[in-house]
Amino acid sequence: MGQVLTKGGNAPLPTTDVRVEIASSSSLDIAAILVTAAGKVRTDNDFVFFNQPTGPGVRLLPPSALEFTLAAVPPDIDKVVITGS
């Protein structure tokens, strides 16, 4: 089941295993940034991108998808920011 979100949108997740695919008319490099409640990353391992395709509970699936195992995301992570550039 898929859901389209607008910029800044959010939605509840009915499962702990999630795949996010980003569609764009132009080429994108996508990344995930794991941040604490203070809005900070803990270490470089909290950045998931083309040169570091895995992190705690997150895996990059090139060219345009991220796979999340939410049970494996550390408890001190408050949110995961998904970016495209």
PDB file of N, CA and C in Angstrom:
ATOM      1  N   MET A   1       0.845  -1.167   0.000  1.00  0.00           N
ATOM      2  CA  MET A   1       0.000   0.000   0.000  1.00  0.00           C
ATOM      3  C   MET A   1       0.894   1.234   0.000  1.00  0.00           C
ATOM      4  N   GLY A   2       0.618   2.172  -0.874  1.00  0.00           N
ATOM      5  CA  GLY A   2       1.412   3.378  -0.947  1.00  0.00           C
ATOM      6  C   GLY A   2       0.623   4.598  -0.523  1.00  0.00           C
ATOM      7  N   GLN A   3       1.342   5.619  -0.163  1.00  0.00           N
ATOM      8  CA  GLN A   3       0.725   6.883   0.220  1.00  0.00           C
ATOM      9  C   GLN A   3       1.612   8.004  -0.296  1.00  0.00           C
ATOM     10  N   VAL A   4       1.003   9.019  -0.872  1.00  0.00           N
ATOM     11  CA  VAL A   4       1.737  10.174  -1.362  1.00  0.00           C
ATOM     12  C   VAL A   4       1.643  11.279  -0.318  1.00  0.00           C
ATOM     13  N   LEU A   5       2.796  11.826   0.055  1.00  0.00           N
ATOM     14  CA  LEU A   5       2.840  12.922   1.025  1.00  0.00           C
ATOM     15  C   LEU A   5       3.294  14.196   0.329  1.00  0.00           C
ATOM     16  N   THR A   6       2.730  15.301   0.726  1.00  0.00           N
ATOM     17  CA  THR A   6       3.195  16.589   0.236  1.00  0.00           C
ATOM     18  C   THR A   6       4.416  17.009   1.050  1.00  0.00           C
ATOM     19  N   LYS A   7       5.124  18.020   0.576  1.00  0.00           N
ATOM     20  CA  LYS A   7       6.301  18.522   1.278  1.00  0.00           C
ATOM     21  C   LYS A   7       5.937  18.859   2.721  1.00  0.00           C
ATOM     22  N   GLY A   8       6.708  18.317   3.673  1.00  0.00           N
ATOM     23  CA  GLY A   8       6.461  18.562   5.093  1.00  0.00           C
ATOM     24  C   GLY A   8       5.384  17.685   5.691  1.00  0.00           C
ATOM     25  N   GLY A   9       4.798  16.801   4.884  1.00  0.00           N
ATOM     26  CA  GLY A   9       3.705  15.956   5.364  1.00  0.00           C
ATOM     27  C   GLY A   9       4.186  14.827   6.244  1.00  0.00           C
ATOM     28  N   ASN A  10       3.251  14.260   6.992  1.00  0.00           N
ATOM     29  CA  ASN A  10       3.556  13.088   7.811  1.00  0.00           C
ATOM     30  C   ASN A  10       2.323  12.217   7.898  1.00  0.00           C
ATOM     31  N   ALA A  11       2.515  10.987   8.323  1.00  0.00           N
ATOM     32  CA  ALA A  11       1.420  10.028   8.427  1.00  0.00           C
ATOM     33  C   ALA A  11       1.812   8.954   9.424  1.00  0.00           C
ATOM     34  N   PRO A  12       0.834   8.345  10.109  1.00  0.00           N
ATOM     35  CA  PRO A  12       1.152   7.237  11.016  1.00  0.00           C
ATOM     36  C   PRO A  12       1.621   6.020  10.216  1.00  0.00           C
ATOM     37  N   LEU A  13       2.464   5.219  10.840  1.00  0.00           N
ATOM     38  CA  LEU A  13       2.969   4.013  10.187  1.00  0.00           C
ATOM     39  C   LEU A  13       2.324   2.788  10.819  1.00  0.00           C
ATOM     40  N   PRO A  14       1.673   1.952  10.023  1.00  0.00           N
ATOM     41  CA  PRO A  14       0.991   0.785  10.572  1.00  0.00           C
ATOM     42  C   PRO A  14       1.907  -0.422  10.799  1.00  0.00           C
ATOM     43  N   THR A  15       3.196  -0.290  10.531  1.00  0.00           N
ATOM     44  CA  THR A  15       4.130  -1.405  10.621  1.00  0.00           C
ATOM     45  C   THR A  15       5.500  -0.903  11.078  1.00  0.00           C
ATOM     46  N   THR A  16       6.376  -1.817  11.462  1.00  0.00           N
ATOM     47  CA  THR A  16       7.720  -1.413  11.881  1.00  0.00           C
ATOM     48  C   THR A  16       8.749  -1.564  10.764  1.00  0.00           C
ATOM     49  N   ASP A  17       8.355  -2.159   9.646  1.00  0.00           N
ATOM     50  CA  ASP A  17       9.235  -2.266   8.480  1.00  0.00           C
ATOM     51  C   ASP A  17       8.654  -1.383   7.386  1.00  0.00           C
ATOM     52  N   VAL A  18       9.426  -0.385   6.974  1.00  0.00           N
ATOM     53  CA  VAL A  18       8.918   0.636   6.063  1.00  0.00           C
ATOM     54  C   VAL A  18       9.906   0.837   4.921  1.00  0.00           C
ATOM     55  N   ARG A  19       9.365   1.012   3.732  1.00  0.00           N
ATOM     56  CA  ARG A  19      10.184   1.360   2.565  1.00  0.00           C
ATOM     57  C   ARG A  19       9.659   2.683   2.026  1.00  0.00           C
ATOM     58  N   VAL A  20      10.565   3.639   1.834  1.00  0.00           N
ATOM     59  CA  VAL A  20      10.211   4.948   1.288  1.00  0.00           C
ATOM     60  C   VAL A  20      10.882   5.069  -0.074  1.00  0.00           C
ATOM     61  N   GLU A  21      10.069   5.325  -1.107  1.00  0.00           N
ATOM     62  CA  GLU A  21      10.593   5.548  -2.448  1.00  0.00           C
ATOM     63  C   GLU A  21      10.293   6.982  -2.846  1.00  0.00           C
ATOM     64  N   ILE A  22      11.274   7.638  -3.428  1.00  0.00           N
ATOM     65  CA  ILE A  22      11.111   9.023  -3.846  1.00  0.00           C
ATOM     66  C   ILE A  22      11.158   9.073  -5.366  1.00  0.00           C
ATOM     67  N   ALA A  23      10.102   9.633  -5.953  1.00  0.00           N
ATOM     68  CA  ALA A  23      10.029   9.775  -7.405  1.00  0.00           C
ATOM     69  C   ALA A  23      10.288  11.229  -7.772  1.00  0.00           C
ATOM     70  N   SER A  24      11.083  11.423  -8.811  1.00  0.00           N
ATOM     71  CA  SER A  24      11.408  12.776  -9.258  1.00  0.00           C
ATOM     72  C   SER A  24      11.633  12.758 -10.760  1.00  0.00           C
ATOM     73  N   SER A  25      11.317  13.863 -11.405  1.00  0.00           N
ATOM     74  CA  SER A  25      11.556  13.959 -12.845  1.00  0.00           C
ATOM     75  C   SER A  25      13.040  14.175 -13.154  1.00  0.00           C
ATOM     76  N   SER A  26      13.824  14.514 -12.143  1.00  0.00           N
ATOM     77  CA  SER A  26      15.268  14.666 -12.331  1.00  0.00           C
ATOM     78  C   SER A  26      16.005  13.726 -11.379  1.00  0.00           C
ATOM     79  N   SER A  27      17.270  13.530 -11.634  1.00  0.00           N
ATOM     80  CA  SER A  27      18.086  12.638 -10.811  1.00  0.00           C
ATOM     81  C   SER A  27      18.251  13.213  -9.399  1.00  0.00           C
ATOM     82  N   LEU A  28      18.088  12.353  -8.396  1.00  0.00           N
ATOM     83  CA  LEU A  28      18.215  12.773  -7.001  1.00  0.00           C
ATOM     84  C   LEU A  28      19.186  11.880  -6.259  1.00  0.00           C
ATOM     85  N   ASP A  29      19.931  12.461  -5.344  1.00  0.00           N
ATOM     86  CA  ASP A  29      20.670  11.699  -4.342  1.00  0.00           C
ATOM     87  C   ASP A  29      19.843  11.799  -3.076  1.00  0.00           C
ATOM     88  N   ILE A  30      19.380  10.655  -2.556  1.00  0.00           N
ATOM     89  CA  ILE A  30      18.583  10.692  -1.334  1.00  0.00           C
ATOM     90  C   ILE A  30      19.443  10.265  -0.154  1.00  0.00           C
ATOM     91  N   ALA A  31      19.040  10.711   1.019  1.00  0.00           N
ATOM     92  CA  ALA A  31      19.779  10.400   2.238  1.00  0.00           C
ATOM     93  C   ALA A  31      18.809  10.377   3.406  1.00  0.00           C
ATOM     94  N   ALA A  32      19.233   9.740   4.480  1.00  0.00           N
ATOM     95  CA  ALA A  32      18.480   9.738   5.735  1.00  0.00           C
ATOM     96  C   ALA A  32      19.418  10.222   6.832  1.00  0.00           C
ATOM     97  N   ILE A  33      18.882  11.051   7.710  1.00  0.00           N
ATOM     98  CA  ILE A  33      19.662  11.584   8.828  1.00  0.00           C
ATOM     99  C   ILE A  33      18.903  11.260  10.106  1.00  0.00           C
ATOM    100  N   LEU A  34      19.513  10.495  10.999  1.00  0.00           N
ATOM    101  CA  LEU A  34      18.888  10.126  12.265  1.00  0.00           C
ATOM    102  C   LEU A  34      19.242  11.179  13.302  1.00  0.00           C
ATOM    103  N   VAL A  35      18.236  11.786  13.922  1.00  0.00           N
ATOM    104  CA  VAL A  35      18.488  12.867  14.876  1.00  0.00           C
ATOM    105  C   VAL A  35      17.815  12.590  16.218  1.00  0.00           C
ATOM    106  N   THR A  36      18.417  13.140  17.253  1.00  0.00           N
ATOM    107  CA  THR A  36      17.875  13.027  18.611  1.00  0.00           C
ATOM    108  C   THR A  36      16.795  14.084  18.823  1.00  0.00           C
ATOM    109  N   ALA A  37      16.173  14.081  19.986  1.00  0.00           N
ATOM    110  CA  ALA A  37      15.153  15.080  20.320  1.00  0.00           C
ATOM    111  C   ALA A  37      15.733  16.490  20.309  1.00  0.00           C
ATOM    112  N   ALA A  38      17.043  16.617  20.511  1.00  0.00           N
ATOM    113  CA  ALA A  38      17.708  17.921  20.464  1.00  0.00           C
ATOM    114  C   ALA A  38      18.007  18.361  19.030  1.00  0.00           C
ATOM    115  N   GLY A  39      17.648  17.513  18.046  1.00  0.00           N
ATOM    116  CA  GLY A  39      17.891  17.857  16.647  1.00  0.00           C
ATOM    117  C   GLY A  39      19.317  17.631  16.193  1.00  0.00           C
ATOM    118  N   LYS A  40      20.064  16.803  16.923  1.00  0.00           N
ATOM    119  CA  LYS A  40      21.479  16.550  16.624  1.00  0.00           C
ATOM    120  C   LYS A  40      21.681  15.098  16.202  1.00  0.00           C
ATOM    121  N   VAL A  41      22.683  14.879  15.347  1.00  0.00           N
ATOM    122  CA  VAL A  41      23.118  13.515  15.070  1.00  0.00           C
ATOM    123  C   VAL A  41      24.103  13.116  16.159  1.00  0.00           C
ATOM    124  N   ARG A  42      24.134  11.821  16.471  1.00  0.00           N
ATOM    125  CA  ARG A  42      25.035  11.353  17.525  1.00  0.00           C
ATOM    126  C   ARG A  42      26.443  11.129  17.005  1.00  0.00           C
ATOM    127  N   THR A  43      26.548  10.499  15.834  1.00  0.00           N
ATOM    128  CA  THR A  43      27.847  10.203  15.212  1.00  0.00           C
ATOM    129  C   THR A  43      27.660  10.223  13.699  1.00  0.00           C
ATOM    130  N   ASP A  44      28.755  10.064  12.969  1.00  0.00           N
ATOM    131  CA  ASP A  44      28.678   9.981  11.508  1.00  0.00           C
ATOM    132  C   ASP A  44      27.830   8.795  11.052  1.00  0.00           C
ATOM    133  N   ASN A  45      27.696   7.764  11.892  1.00  0.00           N
ATOM    134  CA  ASN A  45      26.883   6.601  11.532  1.00  0.00           C
ATOM    135  C   ASN A  45      25.409   6.949  11.375  1.00  0.00           C
ATOM    136  N   ASP A  46      24.995   8.116  11.870  1.00  0.00           N
ATOM    137  CA  ASP A  46      23.600   8.536  11.770  1.00  0.00           C
ATOM    138  C   ASP A  46      23.278   9.195  10.431  1.00  0.00           C
ATOM    139  N   PHE A  47      24.246   9.233   9.509  1.00  0.00           N
ATOM    140  CA  PHE A  47      24.024   9.708   8.141  1.00  0.00           C
ATOM    141  C   PHE A  47      24.015   8.495   7.213  1.00  0.00           C
ATOM    142  N   VAL A  48      22.953   8.328   6.446  1.00  0.00           N
ATOM    143  CA  VAL A  48      22.867   7.234   5.473  1.00  0.00           C
ATOM    144  C   VAL A  48      22.748   7.882   4.100  1.00  0.00           C
ATOM    145  N   PHE A  49      23.706   7.586   3.211  1.00  0.00           N
ATOM    146  CA  PHE A  49      23.736   8.187   1.883  1.00  0.00           C
ATOM    147  C   PHE A  49      24.539   7.279   0.962  1.00  0.00           C
ATOM    148  N   PHE A  50      24.773   7.711  -0.301  1.00  0.00           N
ATOM    149  CA  PHE A  50      25.400   6.845  -1.299  1.00  0.00           C
ATOM    150  C   PHE A  50      26.744   6.291  -0.865  1.00  0.00           C
ATOM    151  N   ASN A  51      27.511   7.027  -0.090  1.00  0.00           N
ATOM    152  CA  ASN A  51      28.844   6.591   0.323  1.00  0.00           C
ATOM    153  C   ASN A  51      28.834   5.820   1.643  1.00  0.00           C
ATOM    154  N   GLN A  52      27.720   5.814   2.323  1.00  0.00           N
ATOM    155  CA  GLN A  52      27.525   5.076   3.578  1.00  0.00           C
ATOM    156  C   GLN A  52      26.074   4.568   3.569  1.00  0.00           C
ATOM    157  N   PRO A  53      25.821   3.462   2.859  1.00  0.00           N
ATOM    158  CA  PRO A  53      24.447   3.052   2.569  1.00  0.00           C
ATOM    159  C   PRO A  53      23.679   2.379   3.709  1.00  0.00           C
ATOM    160  N   THR A  54      24.308   2.183   4.849  1.00  0.00           N
ATOM    161  CA  THR A  54      23.575   1.601   5.971  1.00  0.00           C
ATOM    162  C   THR A  54      23.854   2.378   7.248  1.00  0.00           C
ATOM    163  N   GLY A  55      22.873   2.356   8.118  1.00  0.00           N
ATOM    164  CA  GLY A  55      22.983   2.974   9.433  1.00  0.00           C
ATOM    165  C   GLY A  55      22.089   2.198  10.378  1.00  0.00           C
ATOM    166  N   PRO A  56      21.973   2.624  11.619  1.00  0.00           N
ATOM    167  CA  PRO A  56      21.163   1.893  12.586  1.00  0.00           C
ATOM    168  C   PRO A  56      19.683   1.864  12.190  1.00  0.00           C
ATOM    169  N   GLY A  57      19.251   0.720  11.661  1.00  0.00           N
ATOM    170  CA  GLY A  57      17.852   0.546  11.280  1.00  0.00           C
ATOM    171  C   GLY A  57      17.473   1.129   9.938  1.00  0.00           C
ATOM    172  N   VAL A  58      18.456   1.613   9.157  1.00  0.00           N
ATOM    173  CA  VAL A  58      18.178   2.261   7.870  1.00  0.00           C
ATOM    174  C   VAL A  58      19.130   1.722   6.808  1.00  0.00           C
ATOM    175  N   ARG A  59      18.575   1.499   5.605  1.00  0.00           N
ATOM    176  CA  ARG A  59      19.407   1.026   4.492  1.00  0.00           C
ATOM    177  C   ARG A  59      19.001   1.766   3.223  1.00  0.00           C
ATOM    178  N   LEU A  60      19.973   2.285   2.490  1.00  0.00           N
ATOM    179  CA  LEU A  60      19.735   2.933   1.208  1.00  0.00           C
ATOM    180  C   LEU A  60      19.627   1.869   0.134  1.00  0.00           C
ATOM    181  N   LEU A  61      18.591   1.986  -0.690  1.00  0.00           N
ATOM    182  CA  LEU A  61      18.403   1.093  -1.827  1.00  0.00           C
ATOM    183  C   LEU A  61      18.454   1.949  -3.091  1.00  0.00           C
ATOM    184  N   PRO A  62      19.641   2.101  -3.682  1.00  0.00           N
ATOM    185  CA  PRO A  62      19.767   2.977  -4.846  1.00  0.00           C
ATOM    186  C   PRO A  62      18.852   2.524  -5.985  1.00  0.00           C
ATOM    187  N   PRO A  63      18.354   3.431  -6.795  1.00  0.00           N
ATOM    188  CA  PRO A  63      18.734   4.832  -6.784  1.00  0.00           C
ATOM    189  C   PRO A  63      17.843   5.724  -5.917  1.00  0.00           C
ATOM    190  N   SER A  64      16.649   5.245  -5.503  1.00  0.00           N
ATOM    191  CA  SER A  64      15.727   6.220  -4.902  1.00  0.00           C
ATOM    192  C   SER A  64      14.851   5.666  -3.782  1.00  0.00           C
ATOM    193  N   ALA A  65      15.371   4.740  -2.992  1.00  0.00           N
ATOM    194  CA  ALA A  65      14.556   4.186  -1.911  1.00  0.00           C
ATOM    195  C   ALA A  65      15.380   4.040  -0.629  1.00  0.00           C
ATOM    196  N   LEU A  66      14.679   4.107   0.482  1.00  0.00           N
ATOM    197  CA  LEU A  66      15.250   3.855   1.803  1.00  0.00           C
ATOM    198  C   LEU A  66      14.386   2.806   2.477  1.00  0.00           C
ATOM    199  N   GLU A  67      15.029   1.869   3.156  1.00  0.00           N
ATOM    200  CA  GLU A  67      14.309   0.820   3.877  1.00  0.00           C
ATOM    201  C   GLU A  67      14.599   0.983   5.363  1.00  0.00           C
ATOM    202  N   PHE A  68      13.538   0.966   6.165  1.00  0.00           N
ATOM    203  CA  PHE A  68      13.656   1.182   7.603  1.00  0.00           C
ATOM    204  C   PHE A  68      13.167  -0.038   8.363  1.00  0.00           C
ATOM    205  N   THR A  69      13.937  -0.453   9.356  1.00  0.00           N
ATOM    206  CA  THR A  69      13.505  -1.432  10.342  1.00  0.00           C
ATOM    207  C   THR A  69      13.425  -0.644  11.641  1.00  0.00           C
ATOM    208  N   LEU A  70      12.227  -0.151  11.944  1.00  0.00           N
ATOM    209  CA  LEU A  70      12.077   0.793  13.049  1.00  0.00           C
ATOM    210  C   LEU A  70      12.467   0.198  14.392  1.00  0.00           C
ATOM    211  N   ALA A  71      12.302  -1.118  14.564  1.00  0.00           N
ATOM    212  CA  ALA A  71      12.694  -1.757  15.818  1.00  0.00           C
ATOM    213  C   ALA A  71      14.209  -1.700  16.023  1.00  0.00           C
ATOM    214  N   ALA A  72      14.975  -1.510  14.945  1.00  0.00           N
ATOM    215  CA  ALA A  72      16.437  -1.453  15.038  1.00  0.00           C
ATOM    216  C   ALA A  72      16.970  -0.023  15.169  1.00  0.00           C
ATOM    217  N   VAL A  73      16.089   0.967  15.047  1.00  0.00           N
ATOM    218  CA  VAL A  73      16.514   2.360  15.228  1.00  0.00           C
ATOM    219  C   VAL A  73      16.714   2.585  16.728  1.00  0.00           C
ATOM    220  N   PRO A  74      17.855   3.119  17.147  1.00  0.00           N
ATOM    221  CA  PRO A  74      18.128   3.304  18.579  1.00  0.00           C
ATOM    222  C   PRO A  74      17.049   4.149  19.271  1.00  0.00           C
ATOM    223  N   PRO A  75      16.767   3.842  20.531  1.00  0.00           N
ATOM    224  CA  PRO A  75      15.684   4.541  21.244  1.00  0.00           C
ATOM    225  C   PRO A  75      15.923   6.032  21.448  1.00  0.00           C
ATOM    226  N   ASP A  76      17.181   6.486  21.396  1.00  0.00           N
ATOM    227  CA  ASP A  76      17.420   7.919  21.577  1.00  0.00           C
ATOM    228  C   ASP A  76      17.288   8.720  20.277  1.00  0.00           C
ATOM    229  N   ILE A  77      16.927   8.040  19.192  1.00  0.00           N
ATOM    230  CA  ILE A  77      16.641   8.739  17.935  1.00  0.00           C
ATOM    231  C   ILE A  77      15.176   9.154  17.952  1.00  0.00           C
ATOM    232  N   ASP A  78      14.942  10.450  17.781  1.00  0.00           N
ATOM    233  CA  ASP A  78      13.596  11.017  17.835  1.00  0.00           C
ATOM    234  C   ASP A  78      12.921  11.026  16.472  1.00  0.00           C
ATOM    235  N   LYS A  79      13.704  11.254  15.409  1.00  0.00           N
ATOM    236  CA  LYS A  79      13.129  11.270  14.065  1.00  0.00           C
ATOM    237  C   LYS A  79      14.202  10.967  13.040  1.00  0.00           C
ATOM    238  N   VAL A  80      13.731  10.580  11.865  1.00  0.00           N
ATOM    239  CA  VAL A  80      14.617  10.363  10.731  1.00  0.00           C
ATOM    240  C   VAL A  80      14.221  11.373   9.658  1.00  0.00           C
ATOM    241  N   VAL A  81      15.166  12.196   9.273  1.00  0.00           N
ATOM    242  CA  VAL A  81      14.936  13.203   8.239  1.00  0.00           C
ATOM    243  C   VAL A  81      15.363  12.605   6.904  1.00  0.00           C
ATOM    244  N   ILE A  82      14.482  12.668   5.908  1.00  0.00           N
ATOM    245  CA  ILE A  82      14.785  12.165   4.572  1.00  0.00           C
ATOM    246  C   ILE A  82      15.011  13.367   3.665  1.00  0.00           C
ATOM    247  N   THR A  83      16.133  13.346   2.951  1.00  0.00           N
ATOM    248  CA  THR A  83      16.465  14.469   2.072  1.00  0.00           C
ATOM    249  C   THR A  83      16.700  13.989   0.646  1.00  0.00           C
ATOM    250  N   GLY A  84      16.544  14.888  -0.279  1.00  0.00           N
ATOM    251  CA  GLY A  84      16.874  14.640  -1.674  1.00  0.00           C
ATOM    252  C   GLY A  84      17.555  15.872  -2.238  1.00  0.00           C
ATOM    253  N   SER A  85      18.642  15.671  -2.970  1.00  0.00           N
ATOM    254  CA  SER A  85      19.329  16.831  -3.561  1.00  0.00           C
ATOM    255  C   SER A  85      19.820  16.485  -4.955  1.00  0.00           C
TER     256      SER A  85
END
